Amino acid sequence: MIDEESMETVHRRLERSRQMQTVLRAFEARDRNLLEDNLWRVSFWSCVSLLVMLSVALTQVYTVRRLFDDRRRVCS
């Protein structure tokens, strides 16, 4: 039969397991919040980078077209 000492040992170990699970849940929640914040930052700066690249590309196209624009004025 199970004696009182072994029951007490099982109870202590169960309580310790509960405490560890609580700590691990807190770590997991903190890490999830950090992950979501980082995802927002990465998405924001990716959009900014994309807009900068598009504006540079359009500026380059405009500049090259102006370079080859054939509007030479002939003096008469």
PDB file of N, CA and C in Angstrom:
ATOM      1  N   MET A   1       0.831  -1.174   0.000  1.00  0.00           N
ATOM      2  CA  MET A   1       0.000   0.000   0.000  1.00  0.00           C
ATOM      3  C   MET A   1       0.888   1.253   0.000  1.00  0.00           C
ATOM      4  N   ILE A   2       0.327   2.337  -0.485  1.00  0.00           N
ATOM      5  CA  ILE A   2       1.093   3.579  -0.578  1.00  0.00           C
ATOM      6  C   ILE A   2       1.108   4.244   0.790  1.00  0.00           C
ATOM      7  N   ASP A   3       2.298   4.573   1.227  1.00  0.00           N
ATOM      8  CA  ASP A   3       2.400   5.212   2.536  1.00  0.00           C
ATOM      9  C   ASP A   3       2.330   6.740   2.405  1.00  0.00           C
ATOM     10  N   GLU A   4       2.222   7.399   3.528  1.00  0.00           N
ATOM     11  CA  GLU A   4       2.070   8.857   3.571  1.00  0.00           C
ATOM     12  C   GLU A   4       3.271   9.580   2.985  1.00  0.00           C
ATOM     13  N   GLU A   5       4.450   9.050   3.203  1.00  0.00           N
ATOM     14  CA  GLU A   5       5.670   9.709   2.721  1.00  0.00           C
ATOM     15  C   GLU A   5       5.712   9.743   1.201  1.00  0.00           C
ATOM     16  N   SER A   6       5.372   8.636   0.557  1.00  0.00           N
ATOM     17  CA  SER A   6       5.394   8.624  -0.906  1.00  0.00           C
ATOM     18  C   SER A   6       4.278   9.511  -1.471  1.00  0.00           C
ATOM     19  N   MET A   7       3.135   9.572  -0.803  1.00  0.00           N
ATOM     20  CA  MET A   7       2.061  10.470  -1.243  1.00  0.00           C
ATOM     21  C   MET A   7       2.506  11.932  -1.138  1.00  0.00           C
ATOM     22  N   GLU A   8       3.192  12.243  -0.077  1.00  0.00           N
ATOM     23  CA  GLU A   8       3.698  13.607   0.100  1.00  0.00           C
ATOM     24  C   GLU A   8       4.732  13.937  -0.975  1.00  0.00           C
ATOM     25  N   THR A   9       5.576  12.983  -1.319  1.00  0.00           N
ATOM     26  CA  THR A   9       6.575  13.175  -2.377  1.00  0.00           C
ATOM     27  C   THR A   9       5.889  13.432  -3.717  1.00  0.00           C
ATOM     28  N   VAL A  10       4.876  12.642  -4.016  1.00  0.00           N
ATOM     29  CA  VAL A  10       4.138  12.828  -5.268  1.00  0.00           C
ATOM     30  C   VAL A  10       3.471  14.212  -5.283  1.00  0.00           C
ATOM     31  N   HIS A  11       2.891  14.595  -4.173  1.00  0.00           N
ATOM     32  CA  HIS A  11       2.236  15.907  -4.085  1.00  0.00           C
ATOM     33  C   HIS A  11       3.239  17.048  -4.296  1.00  0.00           C
ATOM     34  N   ARG A  12       4.411  16.953  -3.683  1.00  0.00           N
ATOM     35  CA  ARG A  12       5.445  17.986  -3.861  1.00  0.00           C
ATOM     36  C   ARG A  12       5.900  18.059  -5.314  1.00  0.00           C
ATOM     37  N   ARG A  13       6.083  16.911  -5.928  1.00  0.00           N
ATOM     38  CA  ARG A  13       6.527  16.900  -7.329  1.00  0.00           C
ATOM     39  C   ARG A  13       5.451  17.471  -8.261  1.00  0.00           C
ATOM     40  N   LEU A  14       4.203  17.145  -7.973  1.00  0.00           N
ATOM     41  CA  LEU A  14       3.121  17.720  -8.776  1.00  0.00           C
ATOM     42  C   LEU A  14       3.065  19.240  -8.630  1.00  0.00           C
ATOM     43  N   GLU A  15       3.219  19.708  -7.417  1.00  0.00           N
ATOM     44  CA  GLU A  15       3.213  21.154  -7.180  1.00  0.00           C
ATOM     45  C   GLU A  15       4.387  21.823  -7.892  1.00  0.00           C
ATOM     46  N   ARG A  16       5.531  21.200  -7.862  1.00  0.00           N
ATOM     47  CA  ARG A  16       6.712  21.734  -8.566  1.00  0.00           C
ATOM     48  C   ARG A  16       6.459  21.760 -10.077  1.00  0.00           C
ATOM     49  N   SER A  17       5.808  20.729 -10.593  1.00  0.00           N
ATOM     50  CA  SER A  17       5.482  20.694 -12.024  1.00  0.00           C
ATOM     51  C   SER A  17       4.537  21.833 -12.390  1.00  0.00           C
ATOM     52  N   ARG A  18       3.554  22.090 -11.548  1.00  0.00           N
ATOM     53  CA  ARG A  18       2.629  23.205 -11.799  1.00  0.00           C
ATOM     54  C   ARG A  18       3.370  24.540 -11.818  1.00  0.00           C
ATOM     55  N   GLN A  19       4.276  24.713 -10.878  1.00  0.00           N
ATOM     56  CA  GLN A  19       5.049  25.955 -10.831  1.00  0.00           C
ATOM     57  C   GLN A  19       5.887  26.124 -12.098  1.00  0.00           C
ATOM     58  N   MET A  20       6.521  25.046 -12.532  1.00  0.00           N
ATOM     59  CA  MET A  20       7.342  25.117 -13.749  1.00  0.00           C
ATOM     60  C   MET A  20       6.479  25.436 -14.966  1.00  0.00           C
ATOM     61  N   GLN A  21       5.299  24.845 -15.047  1.00  0.00           N
ATOM     62  CA  GLN A  21       4.411  25.129 -16.172  1.00  0.00           C
ATOM     63  C   GLN A  21       3.964  26.592 -16.168  1.00  0.00           C
ATOM     64  N   THR A  22       3.722  27.134 -14.997  1.00  0.00           N
ATOM     65  CA  THR A  22       3.348  28.550 -14.902  1.00  0.00           C
ATOM     66  C   THR A  22       4.483  29.443 -15.396  1.00  0.00           C
ATOM     67  N   VAL A  23       5.699  29.119 -14.994  1.00  0.00           N
ATOM     68  CA  VAL A  23       6.865  29.895 -15.438  1.00  0.00           C
ATOM     69  C   VAL A  23       7.034  29.774 -16.947  1.00  0.00           C
ATOM     70  N   LEU A  24       6.889  28.564 -17.464  1.00  0.00           N
ATOM     71  CA  LEU A  24       7.048  28.363 -18.906  1.00  0.00           C
ATOM     72  C   LEU A  24       5.954  29.083 -19.697  1.00  0.00           C
ATOM     73  N   ARG A  25       4.736  29.121 -19.174  1.00  0.00           N
ATOM     74  CA  ARG A  25       3.665  29.877 -19.842  1.00  0.00           C
ATOM     75  C   ARG A  25       3.995  31.368 -19.886  1.00  0.00           C
ATOM     76  N   ALA A  26       4.554  31.875 -18.810  1.00  0.00           N
ATOM     77  CA  ALA A  26       4.927  33.297 -18.774  1.00  0.00           C
ATOM     78  C   ALA A  26       6.020  33.588 -19.803  1.00  0.00           C
ATOM     79  N   PHE A  27       7.021  32.708 -19.898  1.00  0.00           N
ATOM     80  CA  PHE A  27       8.077  32.882 -20.905  1.00  0.00           C
ATOM     81  C   PHE A  27       7.492  32.825 -22.311  1.00  0.00           C
ATOM     82  N   GLU A  28       6.583  31.894 -22.532  1.00  0.00           N
ATOM     83  CA  GLU A  28       5.992  31.732 -23.851  1.00  0.00           C
ATOM     84  C   GLU A  28       5.176  32.967 -24.233  1.00  0.00           C
ATOM     85  N   ALA A  29       4.440  33.521 -23.285  1.00  0.00           N
ATOM     86  CA  ALA A  29       3.648  34.728 -23.562  1.00  0.00           C
ATOM     87  C   ALA A  29       4.557  35.912 -23.873  1.00  0.00           C
ATOM     88  N   ARG A  30       5.634  36.055 -23.119  1.00  0.00           N
ATOM     89  CA  ARG A  30       6.579  37.148 -23.369  1.00  0.00           C
ATOM     90  C   ARG A  30       7.208  36.996 -24.750  1.00  0.00           C
ATOM     91  N   ASP A  31       7.620  35.765 -25.090  1.00  0.00           N
ATOM     92  CA  ASP A  31       8.243  35.527 -26.390  1.00  0.00           C
ATOM     93  C   ASP A  31       7.260  35.760 -27.535  1.00  0.00           C
ATOM     94  N   ARG A  32       5.998  35.391 -27.339  1.00  0.00           N
ATOM     95  CA  ARG A  32       4.994  35.611 -28.379  1.00  0.00           C
ATOM     96  C   ARG A  32       4.794  37.103 -28.618  1.00  0.00           C
ATOM     97  N   ASN A  33       4.731  37.881 -27.550  1.00  0.00           N
ATOM     98  CA  ASN A  33       4.589  39.337 -27.704  1.00  0.00           C
ATOM     99  C   ASN A  33       5.789  39.938 -28.422  1.00  0.00           C
ATOM    100  N   LEU A  34       6.975  39.478 -28.072  1.00  0.00           N
ATOM    101  CA  LEU A  34       8.187  39.956 -28.741  1.00  0.00           C
ATOM    102  C   LEU A  34       8.164  39.593 -30.220  1.00  0.00           C
ATOM    103  N   LEU A  35       7.731  38.387 -30.521  1.00  0.00           N
ATOM    104  CA  LEU A  35       7.640  37.936 -31.908  1.00  0.00           C
ATOM    105  C   LEU A  35       6.662  38.796 -32.703  1.00  0.00           C
ATOM    106  N   GLU A  36       5.510  39.095 -32.120  1.00  0.00           N
ATOM    107  CA  GLU A  36       4.521  39.916 -32.822  1.00  0.00           C
ATOM    108  C   GLU A  36       5.031  41.337 -33.042  1.00  0.00           C
ATOM    109  N   ASP A  37       5.724  41.888 -32.059  1.00  0.00           N
ATOM    110  CA  ASP A  37       6.305  43.223 -32.232  1.00  0.00           C
ATOM    111  C   ASP A  37       7.352  43.225 -33.342  1.00  0.00           C
ATOM    112  N   ASN A  38       8.193  42.207 -33.357  1.00  0.00           N
ATOM    113  CA  ASN A  38       9.222  42.120 -34.394  1.00  0.00           C
ATOM    114  C   ASN A  38       8.600  41.944 -35.773  1.00  0.00           C
ATOM    115  N   LEU A  39       7.535  41.161 -35.861  1.00  0.00           N
ATOM    116  CA  LEU A  39       6.857  40.971 -37.144  1.00  0.00           C
ATOM    117  C   LEU A  39       6.317  42.298 -37.659  1.00  0.00           C
ATOM    118  N   TRP A  40       5.729  43.107 -36.768  1.00  0.00           N
ATOM    119  CA  TRP A  40       5.207  44.409 -37.183  1.00  0.00           C
ATOM    120  C   TRP A  40       6.335  45.300 -37.691  1.00  0.00           C
ATOM    121  N   ARG A  41       7.450  45.322 -36.954  1.00  0.00           N
ATOM    122  CA  ARG A  41       8.581  46.167 -37.371  1.00  0.00           C
ATOM    123  C   ARG A  41       9.137  45.723 -38.719  1.00  0.00           C
ATOM    124  N   VAL A  42       9.311  44.424 -38.892  1.00  0.00           N
ATOM    125  CA  VAL A  42       9.850  43.910 -40.159  1.00  0.00           C
ATOM    126  C   VAL A  42       8.902  44.238 -41.303  1.00  0.00           C
ATOM    127  N   SER A  43       7.613  44.058 -41.093  1.00  0.00           N
ATOM    128  CA  SER A  43       6.632  44.369 -42.143  1.00  0.00           C
ATOM    129  C   SER A  43       6.647  45.857 -42.487  1.00  0.00           C
ATOM    130  N   PHE A  44       6.690  46.701 -41.478  1.00  0.00           N
ATOM    131  CA  PHE A  44       6.703  48.147 -41.710  1.00  0.00           C
ATOM    132  C   PHE A  44       7.923  48.559 -42.520  1.00  0.00           C
ATOM    133  N   TRP A  45       9.116  48.128 -42.086  1.00  0.00           N
ATOM    134  CA  TRP A  45      10.324  48.548 -42.781  1.00  0.00           C
ATOM    135  C   TRP A  45      10.449  47.891 -44.151  1.00  0.00           C
ATOM    136  N   SER A  46       9.852  46.732 -44.348  1.00  0.00           N
ATOM    137  CA  SER A  46       9.825  46.129 -45.681  1.00  0.00           C
ATOM    138  C   SER A  46       8.985  46.976 -46.626  1.00  0.00           C
ATOM    139  N   CYS A  47       7.857  47.462 -46.141  1.00  0.00           N
ATOM    140  CA  CYS A  47       7.014  48.341 -46.969  1.00  0.00           C
ATOM    141  C   CYS A  47       7.736  49.644 -47.291  1.00  0.00           C
ATOM    142  N   VAL A  48       8.397  50.217 -46.316  1.00  0.00           N
ATOM    143  CA  VAL A  48       9.157  51.450 -46.551  1.00  0.00           C
ATOM    144  C   VAL A  48      10.243  51.202 -47.593  1.00  0.00           C
ATOM    145  N   SER A  49      10.953  50.102 -47.442  1.00  0.00           N
ATOM    146  CA  SER A  49      12.013  49.764 -48.395  1.00  0.00           C
ATOM    147  C   SER A  49      11.448  49.570 -49.802  1.00  0.00           C
ATOM    148  N   LEU A  50      10.312  48.907 -49.902  1.00  0.00           N
ATOM    149  CA  LEU A  50       9.680  48.699 -51.200  1.00  0.00           C
ATOM    150  C   LEU A  50       9.294  50.026 -51.843  1.00  0.00           C
ATOM    151  N   LEU A  51       8.730  50.935 -51.067  1.00  0.00           N
ATOM    152  CA  LEU A  51       8.356  52.246 -51.609  1.00  0.00           C
ATOM    153  C   LEU A  51       9.578  53.035 -52.071  1.00  0.00           C
ATOM    154  N   VAL A  52      10.657  52.956 -51.320  1.00  0.00           N
ATOM    155  CA  VAL A  52      11.891  53.644 -51.720  1.00  0.00           C
ATOM    156  C   VAL A  52      12.419  53.053 -53.022  1.00  0.00           C
ATOM    157  N   MET A  53      12.434  51.726 -53.133  1.00  0.00           N
ATOM    158  CA  MET A  53      12.930  51.093 -54.364  1.00  0.00           C
ATOM    159  C   MET A  53      12.072  51.459 -55.567  1.00  0.00           C
ATOM    160  N   LEU A  54      10.750  51.494 -55.380  1.00  0.00           N
ATOM    161  CA  LEU A  54       9.874  51.871 -56.490  1.00  0.00           C
ATOM    162  C   LEU A  54      10.093  53.322 -56.908  1.00  0.00           C
ATOM    163  N   SER A  55      10.255  54.203 -55.955  1.00  0.00           N
ATOM    164  CA  SER A  55      10.488  55.607 -56.308  1.00  0.00           C
ATOM    165  C   SER A  55      11.835  55.783 -57.002  1.00  0.00           C
ATOM    166  N   VAL A  56      12.850  55.057 -56.574  1.00  0.00           N
ATOM    167  CA  VAL A  56      14.155  55.127 -57.244  1.00  0.00           C
ATOM    168  C   VAL A  56      14.044  54.585 -58.664  1.00  0.00           C
ATOM    169  N   ALA A  57      13.319  53.487 -58.844  1.00  0.00           N
ATOM    170  CA  ALA A  57      13.155  52.912 -60.183  1.00  0.00           C
ATOM    171  C   ALA A  57      12.432  53.894 -61.103  1.00  0.00           C
ATOM    172  N   LEU A  58      11.368  54.504 -60.617  1.00  0.00           N
ATOM    173  CA  LEU A  58      10.640  55.468 -61.446  1.00  0.00           C
ATOM    174  C   LEU A  58      11.497  56.691 -61.769  1.00  0.00           C
ATOM    175  N   THR A  59      12.284  57.137 -60.817  1.00  0.00           N
ATOM    176  CA  THR A  59      13.185  58.265 -61.059  1.00  0.00           C
ATOM    177  C   THR A  59      14.228  57.905 -62.111  1.00  0.00           C
ATOM    178  N   GLN A  60      14.755  56.700 -62.054  1.00  0.00           N
ATOM    179  CA  GLN A  60      15.740  56.268 -63.047  1.00  0.00           C
ATOM    180  C   GLN A  60      15.124  56.194 -64.440  1.00  0.00           C
ATOM    181  N   VAL A  61      13.919  55.653 -64.540  1.00  0.00           N
ATOM    182  CA  VAL A  61      13.256  55.576 -65.847  1.00  0.00           C
ATOM    183  C   VAL A  61      13.028  56.978 -66.397  1.00  0.00           C
ATOM    184  N   TYR A  62      12.557  57.877 -65.566  1.00  0.00           N
ATOM    185  CA  TYR A  62      12.326  59.257 -65.995  1.00  0.00           C
ATOM    186  C   TYR A  62      13.631  59.904 -66.452  1.00  0.00           C
ATOM    187  N   THR A  63      14.714  59.697 -65.705  1.00  0.00           N
ATOM    188  CA  THR A  63      16.003  60.298 -66.045  1.00  0.00           C
ATOM    189  C   THR A  63      16.543  59.743 -67.361  1.00  0.00           C
ATOM    190  N   VAL A  64      16.453  58.435 -67.553  1.00  0.00           N
ATOM    191  CA  VAL A  64      16.957  57.828 -68.796  1.00  0.00           C
ATOM    192  C   VAL A  64      16.116  58.293 -69.981  1.00  0.00           C
ATOM    193  N   ARG A  65      14.819  58.397 -69.823  1.00  0.00           N
ATOM    194  CA  ARG A  65      13.974  58.883 -70.927  1.00  0.00           C
ATOM    195  C   ARG A  65      14.310  60.329 -71.287  1.00  0.00           C
ATOM    196  N   ARG A  66      14.564  61.146 -70.290  1.00  0.00           N
ATOM    197  CA  ARG A  66      14.946  62.534 -70.565  1.00  0.00           C
ATOM    198  C   ARG A  66      16.302  62.596 -71.258  1.00  0.00           C
ATOM    199  N   LEU A  67      17.185  61.663 -70.913  1.00  0.00           N
ATOM    200  CA  LEU A  67      18.513  61.637 -71.518  1.00  0.00           C
ATOM    201  C   LEU A  67      18.420  61.382 -73.021  1.00  0.00           C
ATOM    202  N   PHE A  68      17.502  60.499 -73.410  1.00  0.00           N
ATOM    203  CA  PHE A  68      17.374  60.150 -74.821  1.00  0.00           C
ATOM    204  C   PHE A  68      16.255  60.914 -75.521  1.00  0.00           C
ATOM    205  N   ASP A  69      15.704  61.901 -74.864  1.00  0.00           N
ATOM    206  CA  ASP A  69      14.658  62.713 -75.479  1.00  0.00           C
ATOM    207  C   ASP A  69      15.268  63.508 -76.627  1.00  0.00           C
ATOM    208  N   ASP A  70      14.628  63.463 -77.773  1.00  0.00           N
ATOM    209  CA  ASP A  70      15.197  64.074 -78.978  1.00  0.00           C
ATOM    210  C   ASP A  70      14.512  65.414 -79.250  1.00  0.00           C
ATOM    211  N   ARG A  71      14.754  66.361 -78.381  1.00  0.00           N
ATOM    212  CA  ARG A  71      14.183  67.692 -78.562  1.00  0.00           C
ATOM    213  C   ARG A  71      15.307  68.692 -78.838  1.00  0.00           C
ATOM    214  N   ARG A  72      16.035  68.419 -79.833  1.00  0.00           N
ATOM    215  CA  ARG A  72      17.129  69.335 -80.180  1.00  0.00           C
ATOM    216  C   ARG A  72      16.550  70.538 -80.913  1.00  0.00           C
ATOM    217  N   ARG A  73      16.938  71.661 -80.463  1.00  0.00           N
ATOM    218  CA  ARG A  73      16.463  72.885 -81.108  1.00  0.00           C
ATOM    219  C   ARG A  73      17.504  73.335 -82.132  1.00  0.00           C
ATOM    220  N   VAL A  74      17.027  73.581 -83.279  1.00  0.00           N
ATOM    221  CA  VAL A  74      17.912  74.029 -84.346  1.00  0.00           C
ATOM    222  C   VAL A  74      17.827  75.547 -84.422  1.00  0.00           C
ATOM    223  N   CYS A  75      18.967  76.172 -84.352  1.00  0.00           N
ATOM    224  CA  CYS A  75      18.995  77.632 -84.448  1.00  0.00           C
ATOM    225  C   CYS A  75      18.836  78.033 -85.904  1.00  0.00           C
ATOM    226  N   SER A  76      17.932  78.926 -86.188  1.00  0.00           N
ATOM    227  CA  SER A  76      17.764  79.349 -87.575  1.00  0.00           C
ATOM    228  C   SER A  76      18.088  80.804 -87.755  1.00  0.00           C
TER     229      SER A  76
END
